């Protein structure tokens, strides 16, 4: 019944969020990257809750998948228990069941609850309360796999089979769990991983046409949705949700488009969603028949959701009411809600005080895509300290990004001390100019051990590792929120029924994304000017043209609304257009 969800955040920030919000009907996403952290969390919560715990060590067969399955099953059991207890609670002001209905948006269930509150007849009031108890359903306990995070694993020097790679094992761990929920794939298509879905019956419809486990694709444009949706449909796998995320105005890893802006992308989904579904459904049915499975008489529901920089109830309503999204994703703002996510006190204070200069799009990720980072996090401070001490790079304690074989037969991580020492040494012989060498060297040294440090916040908060150096993957939207909030305050902010939690005068999410794309284009042009880019003339021309077309779209959109905010939007849009038109480049040939 809620119209928002909490996306995956880092490896640790939302790893146990379902234990905190699912009983209130709020869906959230757990990262499956770090099975070491997952095992630590299983131990922590099992001991806290009085459940038996038997460790899954690295020596255990299929350790990664088993750790994930057992942890997800623990979360599943506990949420089911929480919901049973909540349903049995009295309707008193401080009870969980009252909190459940107070958090809901305007809907039939909340209206029934409000009618029950004012009902004077005791028997009628009691009947209404029983009806309300039956309406309590938990939020979904979803999981996320970054498709690019799929290193091959070894047993000694021997490479294990492809089904033991990180992403495949994570998928298996989810598929074998008791969860009735969704797996969110992010970072682009992974053919081998997607094909592996067909090995597990929970991803196929049962006798009633229901899917126990659903597939969600995080996409940054319509074309990506088409390509990936068709690939999966040909294998008898139905995509139940297309989760549309801003290419730049997000948290964590960013996947910038070629200047395609979120508004026009959402418009395309709005206008072509039915076309996409009707094109994929016969392909899907044909694949089911070829696999000896019953064909579907009608397709399962397909949701479209949007996330990335949403910061006000007005923007939330725009996503739901104008673009017809089924839900919105709110990630970064929830980093300031301690009862929902895991940030230690020191970094909570840093997030509250963060300015636009503190949050930057970095080259920190060893996986390659740009990565939103907090400049004064302990992780970044430690990285700079190692450089100043003449020992750059990480000791690589977990090895989830071990993929590079430039200097070794066995893969190593480009954020590791070994790789950075060898790479910096090799640059001396590369023939770079001084300007080129400075930029390339900075790129080498920028890589951080985020696969380990993104779990630092929860380890410090829970007292698991006091010496951890947390990394923060907040998006640029964090600078618009400046205080710690409760779950109730944040939900009321989202639904527009309480005081706004954002600073006055914050830029509209569409405008901020456009500005971020301008900054990104400038950075790409700088690399090109130094002959350090693989971009060509067509890329820059397309990028600028797409930006201007997006600005034209926003101008036409703004003309449909008549209030002070949209008047300010139009004024700021004119200034942004002037900036884009003034961008000049004379590319000759990419190096």
Protein backbone atom coordinates (compact mmCIF):
# COMPACT_ATOMS: atom_id res chain seq x y z
CA UNK A 1 0.00 0.00 0.00
CA UNK A 2 2.98 2.32 0.36
CA UNK A 3 3.91 4.28 -2.76
CA UNK A 4 7.66 4.44 -2.03
CA UNK A 5 10.45 1.94 -1.40
CA UNK A 6 13.94 2.11 0.08
CA UNK A 7 16.53 1.11 -2.56
CA UNK A 8 19.76 -0.73 -1.85
CA UNK A 9 22.41 1.51 -0.27
CA UNK A 10 26.04 0.40 -0.28
CA UNK A 11 26.71 -3.03 1.17
CA UNK A 12 25.82 -2.29 4.77
CA UNK A 13 23.52 0.72 5.07
CA UNK A 14 20.34 -1.23 4.23
CA UNK A 15 21.51 -4.79 4.91
CA UNK A 16 19.06 -5.28 7.80
CA UNK A 17 16.59 -2.51 6.97
CA UNK A 18 13.74 -5.04 6.47
CA UNK A 19 13.97 -5.90 10.18
CA UNK A 20 13.24 -2.24 10.89
CA UNK A 21 10.56 -1.32 8.33
CA UNK A 22 9.04 -4.39 6.65
CA UNK A 23 6.46 -4.92 9.42
CA UNK A 24 5.13 -1.45 8.61
CA UNK A 25 4.52 -2.42 4.98
CA UNK A 26 7.62 -0.67 3.63
CA UNK A 27 9.74 -2.50 1.05
CA UNK A 28 13.54 -2.29 1.06
CA UNK A 29 16.52 -3.89 -0.65
CA UNK A 30 19.47 -5.86 0.75
CA UNK A 31 22.82 -5.93 -1.07
CA UNK A 32 24.22 -9.41 -1.78
CA UNK A 33 27.75 -8.25 -2.63
CA UNK A 34 29.47 -8.84 0.71
CA UNK A 35 28.81 -12.37 2.00
CA UNK A 36 31.44 -11.86 4.73
CA UNK A 37 29.36 -9.00 6.13
CA UNK A 38 26.19 -11.02 5.59
CA UNK A 39 27.62 -13.82 7.74
CA UNK A 40 28.61 -11.31 10.43
CA UNK A 41 25.07 -9.91 10.37
CA UNK A 42 23.56 -13.39 10.65
CA UNK A 43 25.69 -14.04 13.74
CA UNK A 44 24.88 -10.63 15.23
CA UNK A 45 21.12 -10.91 14.79
CA UNK A 46 20.90 -14.63 15.65
CA UNK A 47 22.62 -14.02 18.97
CA UNK A 48 20.55 -10.89 19.61
CA UNK A 49 17.30 -12.71 18.87
CA UNK A 50 18.19 -15.97 20.60
CA UNK A 51 18.34 -18.02 17.43
CA UNK A 52 20.87 -20.85 16.98
CA UNK A 53 23.93 -19.92 14.95
CA UNK A 54 26.41 -22.24 13.26
CA UNK A 55 29.10 -20.45 11.24
CA UNK A 56 29.57 -20.99 7.53
CA UNK A 57 33.34 -20.76 7.09
CA UNK A 58 35.25 -20.20 3.86
CA UNK A 59 36.06 -23.92 3.85
CA UNK A 60 32.39 -24.91 3.69
CA UNK A 61 31.07 -26.08 0.33
CA UNK A 62 29.26 -23.33 -1.59
CA UNK A 63 29.89 -21.01 1.36
CA UNK A 64 28.83 -17.77 -0.34
CA UNK A 65 25.42 -19.05 -1.48
CA UNK A 66 24.73 -20.80 1.85
CA UNK A 67 25.59 -17.68 3.87
CA UNK A 68 23.15 -15.65 1.78
CA UNK A 69 20.35 -18.23 1.98
CA UNK A 70 20.62 -18.62 5.75
CA UNK A 71 20.71 -14.86 6.34
CA UNK A 72 17.73 -14.17 4.10
CA UNK A 73 15.79 -16.97 5.79
CA UNK A 74 16.57 -15.45 9.20
CA UNK A 75 15.26 -12.06 8.02
CA UNK A 76 12.19 -13.76 6.55
CA UNK A 77 11.39 -15.62 9.80
CA UNK A 78 11.83 -12.55 11.94
CA UNK A 79 9.68 -10.30 9.75
CA UNK A 80 6.92 -12.91 9.72
CA UNK A 81 7.13 -13.07 13.52
CA UNK A 82 7.05 -9.28 13.78
CA UNK A 83 3.94 -9.10 11.60
CA UNK A 84 2.14 -11.80 13.60
CA UNK A 85 2.87 -9.90 16.80
CA UNK A 86 1.86 -6.57 15.26
CA UNK A 87 -1.50 -7.98 14.10
CA UNK A 88 -2.28 -9.09 17.65
CA UNK A 89 -1.47 -5.77 19.32
CA UNK A 90 -4.18 -3.53 20.78
CA UNK A 91 -5.04 -0.29 19.02
CA UNK A 92 -3.36 1.91 21.62
CA UNK A 93 -1.48 5.12 20.75
CA UNK A 94 1.99 3.61 21.17
CA UNK A 95 1.33 0.23 19.53
CA UNK A 96 2.92 -1.06 16.35
CA UNK A 97 -0.40 -1.66 14.62
CA UNK A 98 -1.41 1.97 15.14
CA UNK A 99 1.97 3.03 13.78
CA UNK A 100 1.39 0.78 10.74
CA UNK A 101 -1.80 2.57 9.74
CA UNK A 102 -0.58 6.04 10.70
CA UNK A 103 2.36 5.64 8.29
CA UNK A 104 0.20 4.64 5.31
CA UNK A 105 -0.57 7.12 2.54
CA UNK A 106 -4.14 8.07 1.79
CA UNK A 107 -5.71 4.75 0.79
CA UNK A 108 -8.72 2.57 1.63
CA UNK A 109 -6.95 0.90 4.56
CA UNK A 110 -5.95 4.20 6.15
CA UNK A 111 -9.43 5.61 5.68
CA UNK A 112 -10.92 2.53 7.36
CA UNK A 113 -8.48 3.03 10.24
CA UNK A 114 -9.47 6.69 10.57
CA UNK A 115 -13.14 5.71 10.57
CA UNK A 116 -12.44 3.14 13.29
CA UNK A 117 -10.80 5.80 15.47
CA UNK A 118 -13.95 7.92 15.56
CA UNK A 119 -16.41 5.01 15.74
CA UNK A 120 -18.46 5.17 18.99
CA UNK A 121 -20.26 1.81 18.89
CA UNK A 122 -18.01 -0.78 20.70
CA UNK A 123 -19.11 -3.89 18.72
CA UNK A 124 -18.72 -2.04 15.41
CA UNK A 125 -15.35 -0.68 16.50
CA UNK A 126 -14.19 -4.21 17.38
CA UNK A 127 -15.31 -5.56 13.97
CA UNK A 128 -13.49 -2.76 12.19
CA UNK A 129 -10.34 -3.51 14.15
CA UNK A 130 -10.46 -7.16 13.13
CA UNK A 131 -10.86 -6.12 9.49
CA UNK A 132 -7.86 -3.85 9.87
CA UNK A 133 -5.71 -6.65 11.32
CA UNK A 134 -6.37 -8.70 8.19
CA UNK A 135 -5.12 -5.82 6.04
CA UNK A 136 -1.65 -5.76 7.62
CA UNK A 137 0.91 -7.06 5.13
CA UNK A 138 4.71 -6.72 5.31
CA UNK A 139 6.84 -4.81 2.87
CA UNK A 140 8.87 -6.87 0.43
CA UNK A 141 12.35 -8.10 1.44
CA UNK A 142 14.11 -7.58 -1.88
CA UNK A 143 17.74 -8.17 -2.79
CA UNK A 144 20.22 -6.59 -5.19
CA UNK A 145 23.00 -7.98 -7.35
CA UNK A 146 25.42 -5.64 -9.13
CA UNK A 147 25.99 -7.54 -12.35
CA UNK A 148 29.48 -6.07 -12.76
CA UNK A 149 30.50 -7.50 -9.38
CA UNK A 150 31.05 -11.05 -10.58
CA UNK A 151 34.61 -12.14 -10.00
CA UNK A 152 35.57 -15.75 -10.66
CA UNK A 153 36.57 -17.68 -7.56
CA UNK A 154 39.44 -20.09 -7.08
CA UNK A 155 40.16 -23.12 -4.96
CA UNK A 156 43.90 -22.67 -4.58
CA UNK A 157 45.25 -22.02 -8.08
CA UNK A 158 42.31 -23.84 -9.70
CA UNK A 159 39.48 -21.73 -11.04
CA UNK A 160 36.10 -22.95 -9.88
CA UNK A 161 33.21 -23.39 -12.30
CA UNK A 162 31.21 -20.39 -13.53
CA UNK A 163 28.34 -21.19 -11.16
CA UNK A 164 30.65 -20.31 -8.26
CA UNK A 165 31.35 -16.76 -9.45
CA UNK A 166 30.20 -14.07 -7.05
CA UNK A 167 27.02 -13.04 -8.89
CA UNK A 168 25.97 -16.60 -9.73
CA UNK A 169 26.46 -17.77 -6.14
CA UNK A 170 24.54 -14.74 -4.85
CA UNK A 171 21.67 -15.50 -7.21
CA UNK A 172 21.66 -19.11 -6.06
CA UNK A 173 21.62 -17.98 -2.43
CA UNK A 174 18.49 -15.89 -3.05
CA UNK A 175 16.82 -18.50 -5.26
CA UNK A 176 17.10 -21.18 -2.56
CA UNK A 177 15.80 -18.92 0.21
CA UNK A 178 12.26 -18.90 1.58
CA UNK A 179 11.64 -15.33 0.45
CA UNK A 180 8.66 -14.43 -1.70
CA UNK A 181 10.17 -11.26 -3.14
CA UNK A 182 12.24 -9.71 -5.94
CA UNK A 183 15.83 -9.67 -7.09
CA UNK A 184 16.99 -6.31 -8.45
CA UNK A 185 19.67 -6.48 -11.15
CA UNK A 186 21.72 -3.32 -11.59
CA UNK A 187 24.70 -2.23 -13.71
CA UNK A 188 23.55 -3.64 -17.04
CA UNK A 189 22.89 -6.95 -18.76
CA UNK A 190 24.74 -10.10 -17.74
CA UNK A 191 23.75 -12.85 -20.22
CA UNK A 192 25.22 -15.78 -18.28
CA UNK A 193 23.67 -14.63 -15.02
CA UNK A 194 20.28 -13.99 -16.61
CA UNK A 195 20.31 -17.43 -18.23
CA UNK A 196 21.12 -18.96 -14.84
CA UNK A 197 17.70 -17.79 -13.60
CA UNK A 198 16.12 -20.59 -15.61
CA UNK A 199 17.71 -23.16 -13.29
CA UNK A 200 15.37 -22.20 -10.45
CA UNK A 201 11.61 -22.91 -10.54
CA UNK A 202 10.70 -19.99 -8.26
CA UNK A 203 11.27 -17.59 -11.18
CA UNK A 204 8.59 -19.33 -13.26
CA UNK A 205 4.82 -19.03 -12.72
CA UNK A 206 3.11 -21.61 -10.53
CA UNK A 207 -0.22 -23.26 -11.28
CA UNK A 208 -2.03 -20.04 -10.44
CA UNK A 209 0.25 -17.93 -12.61
CA UNK A 210 2.00 -16.40 -9.58
CA UNK A 211 5.73 -15.81 -9.30
CA UNK A 212 7.32 -16.63 -5.94
CA UNK A 213 10.45 -14.75 -6.95
CA UNK A 214 10.34 -11.81 -9.33
CA UNK A 215 12.91 -10.02 -11.48
CA UNK A 216 13.41 -6.27 -11.29
CA UNK A 217 15.70 -4.46 -13.72
CA UNK A 218 17.29 -1.18 -12.72
CA UNK A 219 17.59 0.78 -15.97
CA UNK A 220 18.62 4.28 -16.98
CA UNK A 221 16.75 4.45 -20.31
CA UNK A 222 13.98 2.79 -22.31
CA UNK A 223 16.31 1.08 -24.77
CA UNK A 224 18.05 -0.79 -21.95
CA UNK A 225 14.68 -1.98 -20.70
CA UNK A 226 13.76 -3.24 -24.18
CA UNK A 227 17.01 -5.12 -24.72
CA UNK A 228 17.19 -6.75 -21.31
CA UNK A 229 13.47 -7.47 -21.15
CA UNK A 230 13.57 -9.25 -24.51
CA UNK A 231 16.65 -11.27 -23.56
CA UNK A 232 14.91 -12.53 -20.43
CA UNK A 233 11.55 -13.12 -22.15
CA UNK A 234 13.27 -15.41 -24.67
CA UNK A 235 14.30 -17.55 -21.70
CA UNK A 236 10.88 -17.64 -20.12
CA UNK A 237 11.70 -15.04 -17.46
CA UNK A 238 9.22 -12.20 -16.94
CA UNK A 239 10.40 -8.78 -15.78
CA UNK A 240 7.99 -7.66 -13.06
CA UNK A 241 9.40 -4.17 -12.63
CA UNK A 242 11.53 -1.66 -14.50
CA UNK A 243 13.21 0.50 -11.86
CA UNK A 244 14.16 3.71 -13.66
CA UNK A 245 17.04 5.55 -12.03
CA UNK A 246 18.64 8.86 -12.88
CA UNK A 247 21.95 8.30 -14.62
CA UNK A 248 23.75 10.78 -12.35
CA UNK A 249 21.43 12.14 -9.64
CA UNK A 250 21.59 9.03 -7.47
CA UNK A 251 23.71 7.50 -4.74
CA UNK A 252 26.49 4.93 -5.03
CA UNK A 253 27.45 3.88 -8.55
CA UNK A 254 26.25 6.18 -11.33
CA UNK A 255 25.56 5.07 -14.89
CA UNK A 256 25.43 8.27 -16.95
CA UNK A 257 23.59 8.25 -20.24
CA UNK A 258 24.74 10.16 -23.29
CA UNK A 259 22.99 13.27 -21.97
CA UNK A 260 19.53 11.67 -21.89
CA UNK A 261 17.68 13.27 -18.98
CA UNK A 262 15.32 11.56 -16.56
CA UNK A 263 12.17 13.52 -17.45
CA UNK A 264 12.11 12.58 -21.14
CA UNK A 265 13.02 8.99 -20.22
CA UNK A 266 10.07 8.79 -17.83
CA UNK A 267 7.81 10.28 -20.51
CA UNK A 268 8.90 7.52 -22.87
CA UNK A 269 8.09 4.84 -20.33
CA UNK A 270 4.75 6.50 -19.64
CA UNK A 271 3.81 6.45 -23.33
CA UNK A 272 5.34 3.12 -24.34
CA UNK A 273 5.01 0.84 -21.32
CA UNK A 274 2.01 -1.07 -22.71
CA UNK A 275 3.71 -1.38 -26.10
CA UNK A 276 6.78 -2.90 -24.42
CA UNK A 277 4.74 -5.39 -22.42
CA UNK A 278 2.60 -6.49 -25.37
CA UNK A 279 5.71 -6.98 -27.49
CA UNK A 280 7.42 -9.12 -24.84
CA UNK A 281 4.46 -11.25 -23.77
CA UNK A 282 4.24 -13.53 -26.87
CA UNK A 283 8.03 -14.00 -26.76
CA UNK A 284 7.72 -14.98 -23.11
CA UNK A 285 4.86 -17.42 -23.76
CA UNK A 286 6.74 -19.04 -26.64
CA UNK A 287 9.72 -19.63 -24.36
CA UNK A 288 7.50 -21.12 -21.65
CA UNK A 289 5.98 -23.53 -24.17
CA UNK A 290 9.42 -24.51 -25.51
CA UNK A 291 10.48 -25.33 -21.95
CA UNK A 292 7.42 -27.53 -21.46
CA UNK A 293 5.71 -25.08 -19.12
CA UNK A 294 2.09 -23.92 -19.35
CA UNK A 295 1.58 -20.72 -21.32
CA UNK A 296 0.07 -17.73 -19.55
CA UNK A 297 -3.38 -16.49 -20.57
CA UNK A 298 -2.47 -12.97 -19.51
CA UNK A 299 0.74 -11.33 -18.48
CA UNK A 300 1.67 -10.72 -14.86
CA UNK A 301 1.60 -7.15 -13.62
CA UNK A 302 4.53 -4.98 -14.64
CA UNK A 303 5.48 -2.05 -12.43
CA UNK A 304 7.48 1.00 -13.40
CA UNK A 305 9.16 2.89 -10.58
CA UNK A 306 11.46 5.91 -10.45
CA UNK A 307 14.31 6.94 -8.19
CA UNK A 308 17.27 9.27 -8.09
CA UNK A 309 17.25 12.67 -6.42
CA UNK A 310 13.58 12.84 -5.41
CA UNK A 311 13.52 15.17 -2.44
CA UNK A 312 10.07 16.71 -1.96
CA UNK A 313 6.47 15.57 -1.80
CA UNK A 314 5.76 17.65 -4.93
CA UNK A 315 8.44 15.75 -6.86
CA UNK A 316 7.12 12.49 -5.44
CA UNK A 317 3.60 13.36 -6.62
CA UNK A 318 4.96 14.28 -10.05
CA UNK A 319 6.43 10.80 -10.39
CA UNK A 320 3.24 9.08 -9.26
CA UNK A 321 0.51 11.23 -10.74
CA UNK A 322 1.96 12.69 -13.93
CA UNK A 323 4.35 9.92 -15.01
CA UNK A 324 2.17 7.12 -13.62
CA UNK A 325 4.93 5.44 -11.65
CA UNK A 326 3.80 2.70 -9.28
CA UNK A 327 6.31 3.67 -6.63
CA UNK A 328 9.25 5.97 -5.96
CA UNK A 329 12.65 5.16 -4.50
CA UNK A 330 13.99 7.20 -1.57
CA UNK A 331 17.56 6.25 -0.71
CA UNK A 332 19.99 9.00 0.31
CA UNK A 333 17.53 10.87 2.63
CA UNK A 334 17.11 7.70 4.68
CA UNK A 335 20.80 7.77 5.60
CA UNK A 336 19.70 10.43 8.11
CA UNK A 337 17.08 8.14 9.67
CA UNK A 338 19.00 6.00 12.21
CA UNK A 339 16.05 3.73 12.96
CA UNK A 340 16.06 2.65 9.29
CA UNK A 341 19.68 2.58 8.04
CA UNK A 342 23.15 1.98 9.47
CA UNK A 343 25.41 5.01 9.75
CA UNK A 344 27.74 5.48 12.72
CA UNK A 345 27.42 8.65 14.78
CA UNK A 346 30.58 10.31 13.43
CA UNK A 347 29.51 9.95 9.82
CA UNK A 348 25.94 10.86 10.61
CA UNK A 349 27.29 14.23 11.76
CA UNK A 350 29.37 14.53 8.58
CA UNK A 351 26.33 13.85 6.40
CA UNK A 352 24.29 16.47 8.24
CA UNK A 353 27.04 19.05 7.70
CA UNK A 354 27.83 18.02 4.10
CA UNK A 355 28.04 20.75 1.46
CA UNK A 356 28.11 20.50 -2.31
CA UNK A 357 31.92 20.47 -2.16
CA UNK A 358 31.90 17.50 0.22
CA UNK A 359 29.87 15.20 -2.03
CA UNK A 360 31.58 14.43 -5.33
CA UNK A 361 31.36 12.08 -8.30
CA UNK A 362 34.55 10.10 -7.97
CA UNK A 363 36.61 7.44 -9.72
CA UNK A 364 36.77 5.52 -6.43
CA UNK A 365 35.08 2.32 -7.54
CA UNK A 366 37.31 -0.54 -8.73
CA UNK A 367 34.32 -1.75 -10.76
CA UNK A 368 34.73 1.19 -13.15
CA UNK A 369 31.52 3.28 -13.11
CA UNK A 370 31.60 6.73 -11.48
CA UNK A 371 30.85 6.58 -7.76
CA UNK A 372 29.28 9.18 -5.47
CA UNK A 373 31.54 9.72 -2.47
CA UNK A 374 31.84 11.78 0.71
CA UNK A 375 35.14 13.65 0.63
CA UNK A 376 35.74 13.61 4.40
CA UNK A 377 34.71 10.02 5.15
CA UNK A 378 37.15 7.89 7.12
CA UNK A 379 37.68 5.77 4.00
CA UNK A 380 38.72 8.78 1.91
CA UNK A 381 40.86 10.14 4.74
CA UNK A 382 42.64 6.78 5.03
CA UNK A 383 43.19 6.61 1.25
CA UNK A 384 44.81 10.05 1.21
CA UNK A 385 46.89 9.22 4.27
CA UNK A 386 48.30 6.09 2.63
CA UNK A 387 49.26 8.15 -0.41
CA UNK A 388 51.02 10.77 1.70
CA UNK A 389 52.90 8.03 3.55
CA UNK A 390 54.14 6.57 0.26
CA UNK A 391 52.11 3.38 0.52
CA UNK A 392 48.99 3.90 -1.63
CA UNK A 393 46.35 1.27 -2.14
CA UNK A 394 44.43 -1.14 0.02
CA UNK A 395 45.45 -4.46 1.51
CA UNK A 396 42.36 -5.87 -0.26
CA UNK A 397 40.86 -7.76 2.70
CA UNK A 398 37.80 -9.13 0.86
CA UNK A 399 38.65 -9.26 -2.84
CA UNK A 400 35.16 -8.77 -4.30
CA UNK A 401 36.61 -6.58 -7.09
CA UNK A 402 39.55 -8.83 -7.97
CA UNK A 403 39.37 -8.79 -11.78
CA UNK A 404 42.58 -7.27 -13.23
CA UNK A 405 45.32 -9.43 -14.80
CA UNK A 406 47.48 -6.65 -16.26
CA UNK A 407 50.44 -7.54 -14.02
CA UNK A 408 49.64 -11.04 -12.82
CA UNK A 409 48.14 -14.35 -13.87
CA UNK A 410 45.82 -14.40 -10.86
CA UNK A 411 43.39 -11.44 -10.89
CA UNK A 412 43.99 -8.58 -8.46
CA UNK A 413 41.99 -5.48 -7.56
CA UNK A 414 42.93 -2.10 -9.03
CA UNK A 415 42.37 -0.53 -5.60
CA UNK A 416 44.97 -2.86 -4.09
CA UNK A 417 48.43 -1.83 -2.94
CA UNK A 418 50.02 -4.37 -5.28
CA UNK A 419 48.26 -3.11 -8.38
CA UNK A 420 48.74 0.60 -7.69
CA UNK A 421 52.47 0.17 -7.03
CA UNK A 422 52.96 -1.72 -10.30
CA UNK A 423 50.68 0.58 -12.30
CA UNK A 424 52.33 3.80 -11.13
CA UNK A 425 55.74 2.35 -11.98
CA UNK A 426 54.56 1.44 -15.49
CA UNK A 427 53.36 5.00 -16.16
CA UNK A 428 56.93 6.28 -16.16
CA UNK A 429 57.50 4.42 -19.42
CA UNK A 430 54.20 5.32 -21.06
CA UNK A 431 55.38 8.55 -22.66
CA UNK A 432 52.77 10.81 -21.12
CA UNK A 433 53.11 14.56 -20.98
CA UNK A 434 53.28 16.05 -17.49
CA UNK A 435 49.60 17.03 -17.64
CA UNK A 436 48.57 13.60 -18.86
CA UNK A 437 50.69 11.85 -16.25
CA UNK A 438 49.17 13.91 -13.44
CA UNK A 439 45.61 13.04 -14.50
CA UNK A 440 46.33 9.34 -15.11
CA UNK A 441 48.21 8.98 -11.83
CA UNK A 442 45.39 10.64 -9.95
CA UNK A 443 42.99 8.17 -11.54
CA UNK A 444 45.09 5.22 -10.37
CA UNK A 445 45.32 6.56 -6.83
CA UNK A 446 41.63 7.45 -6.62
CA UNK A 447 40.51 3.84 -6.35
CA UNK A 448 39.25 2.87 -2.89
CA UNK A 449 38.46 -0.40 -1.15
CA UNK A 450 34.75 0.34 -1.16
CA UNK A 451 33.77 -3.35 -1.10
CA UNK A 452 35.18 -3.42 2.44
CA UNK A 453 34.73 0.16 3.63
CA UNK A 454 31.04 0.39 2.67
CA UNK A 455 30.40 -2.05 5.50
CA UNK A 456 32.33 0.12 7.96
CA UNK A 457 29.37 2.18 9.14
CA UNK A 458 27.36 -0.80 10.37
CA UNK A 459 30.43 -2.44 11.94
CA UNK A 460 31.15 0.67 13.97
CA UNK A 461 27.48 1.19 14.85
CA UNK A 462 27.03 -2.41 16.04
CA UNK A 463 30.43 -2.65 17.73
CA UNK A 464 31.67 -5.37 15.39
CA UNK A 465 34.87 -3.58 14.27
CA UNK A 466 35.68 -0.31 16.02
CA UNK A 467 38.71 0.31 13.76
CA UNK A 468 36.70 0.22 10.52
CA UNK A 469 37.05 3.19 8.15
CA UNK A 470 33.54 3.74 6.77
CA UNK A 471 32.92 4.94 3.22
CA UNK A 472 29.78 6.93 2.42
CA UNK A 473 28.00 6.55 -0.93
CA UNK A 474 25.41 9.31 -0.46
CA UNK A 475 24.04 11.00 -3.55
CA UNK A 476 24.16 14.78 -4.08
CA UNK A 477 20.64 15.04 -2.64
CA UNK A 478 22.11 14.65 0.87
CA UNK A 479 23.07 18.34 0.99
CA UNK A 480 19.36 19.24 0.92
CA UNK A 481 18.69 17.40 4.21
CA UNK A 482 20.32 18.81 7.32
CA UNK A 483 19.08 16.95 10.39
CA UNK A 484 18.42 13.51 11.79
CA UNK A 485 14.81 12.42 11.27
CA UNK A 486 12.51 9.70 12.53
CA UNK A 487 10.81 7.20 10.25
CA UNK A 488 7.49 8.95 10.84
CA UNK A 489 8.94 12.36 9.96
CA UNK A 490 10.50 11.07 6.73
CA UNK A 491 7.36 9.23 5.63
CA UNK A 492 5.24 12.31 6.36
CA UNK A 493 7.73 14.39 4.35
CA UNK A 494 7.41 12.00 1.40
CA UNK A 495 3.61 12.11 1.49
CA UNK A 496 3.45 15.87 2.06
CA UNK A 497 1.58 15.80 5.36
CA UNK A 498 4.22 17.22 7.69
CA UNK A 499 6.90 19.91 7.81
CA UNK A 500 9.35 19.79 4.91
CA UNK A 501 12.73 18.30 5.82
CA UNK A 502 14.66 19.94 2.98
CA UNK A 503 16.47 23.25 2.93
CA UNK A 504 14.60 26.17 1.34
CA UNK A 505 15.42 26.89 -2.28
CA UNK A 506 16.80 23.47 -3.18
CA UNK A 507 16.92 22.97 -6.95
CA UNK A 508 14.26 20.81 -8.55
CA UNK A 509 15.48 17.25 -9.10
CA UNK A 510 15.26 17.67 -12.89
CA UNK A 511 17.34 20.86 -12.83
CA UNK A 512 19.99 19.36 -10.55
CA UNK A 513 20.37 16.32 -12.79
CA UNK A 514 20.82 18.59 -15.82
CA UNK A 515 23.54 20.55 -14.01
CA UNK A 516 25.26 17.30 -13.04
CA UNK A 517 25.27 16.23 -16.68
CA UNK A 518 26.83 19.54 -17.70
CA UNK A 519 29.59 19.02 -15.13
CA UNK A 520 30.09 15.46 -16.34
CA UNK A 521 30.34 16.60 -19.97
CA UNK A 522 32.94 19.19 -19.03
CA UNK A 523 35.02 16.53 -17.27
CA UNK A 524 34.83 14.30 -20.34
CA UNK A 525 35.91 17.20 -22.56
CA UNK A 526 38.90 17.82 -20.31
CA UNK A 527 40.02 14.21 -20.79
CA UNK A 528 39.50 14.55 -24.52
CA UNK A 529 41.58 17.73 -24.70
CA UNK A 530 44.42 15.87 -23.00
CA UNK A 531 44.04 12.97 -25.47
CA UNK A 532 43.06 10.64 -22.64
CA UNK A 533 39.55 9.84 -23.82
CA UNK A 534 38.08 7.15 -26.03
CA UNK A 535 35.15 9.43 -26.84
CA UNK A 536 34.69 10.63 -30.41
CA UNK A 537 33.07 13.61 -32.10
CA UNK A 538 29.73 11.82 -32.40
CA UNK A 539 29.61 11.25 -28.64
CA UNK A 540 30.00 14.92 -27.76
CA UNK A 541 27.57 16.06 -30.44
CA UNK A 542 24.93 13.55 -29.27
CA UNK A 543 25.47 14.50 -25.65
CA UNK A 544 24.93 18.22 -26.26
CA UNK A 545 21.97 17.61 -28.55
CA UNK A 546 20.32 15.32 -25.99
CA UNK A 547 20.79 17.91 -23.27
CA UNK A 548 19.18 20.63 -25.36
CA UNK A 549 16.29 18.37 -26.34
CA UNK A 550 15.81 17.51 -22.67
CA UNK A 551 15.73 21.20 -21.78
CA UNK A 552 13.12 21.77 -24.50
CA UNK A 553 11.06 18.97 -22.99
CA UNK A 554 11.29 20.51 -19.51
CA UNK A 555 10.20 23.86 -20.93
CA UNK A 556 7.06 22.27 -22.38
CA UNK A 557 6.47 20.37 -19.14
CA UNK A 558 6.75 23.51 -17.02
CA UNK A 559 4.19 25.29 -19.19
CA UNK A 560 1.55 22.85 -17.94
CA UNK A 561 1.91 24.01 -14.34
CA UNK A 562 1.15 27.41 -12.92
CA UNK A 563 2.64 28.06 -9.49
CA UNK A 564 5.62 29.81 -7.97
CA UNK A 565 7.84 26.73 -7.97
CA UNK A 566 7.37 26.07 -11.70
CA UNK A 567 7.88 29.75 -12.50
CA UNK A 568 11.24 29.56 -10.74
CA UNK A 569 11.90 26.30 -12.58
CA UNK A 570 11.44 28.05 -15.94
CA UNK A 571 13.75 30.90 -14.99
CA UNK A 572 16.50 28.55 -13.88
CA UNK A 573 15.98 26.43 -16.98
CA UNK A 574 16.71 29.41 -19.23
CA UNK A 575 20.03 29.95 -17.46
CA UNK A 576 20.94 26.26 -17.83
CA UNK A 577 20.11 26.37 -21.55
CA UNK A 578 22.50 29.30 -22.01
CA UNK A 579 25.24 27.28 -20.28
CA UNK A 580 24.73 24.25 -22.52
CA UNK A 581 24.61 26.32 -25.72
CA UNK A 582 27.86 28.02 -24.72
CA UNK A 583 29.68 24.69 -24.39
CA UNK A 584 32.13 24.65 -27.26
CA UNK A 585 34.26 21.77 -28.37
CA UNK A 586 36.27 21.17 -31.48
CA UNK A 587 37.11 17.49 -31.25
CA UNK A 588 39.53 16.30 -33.88
CA UNK A 589 40.17 12.65 -33.15
CA UNK A 590 39.99 10.57 -30.01
CA UNK A 591 43.22 9.03 -28.83
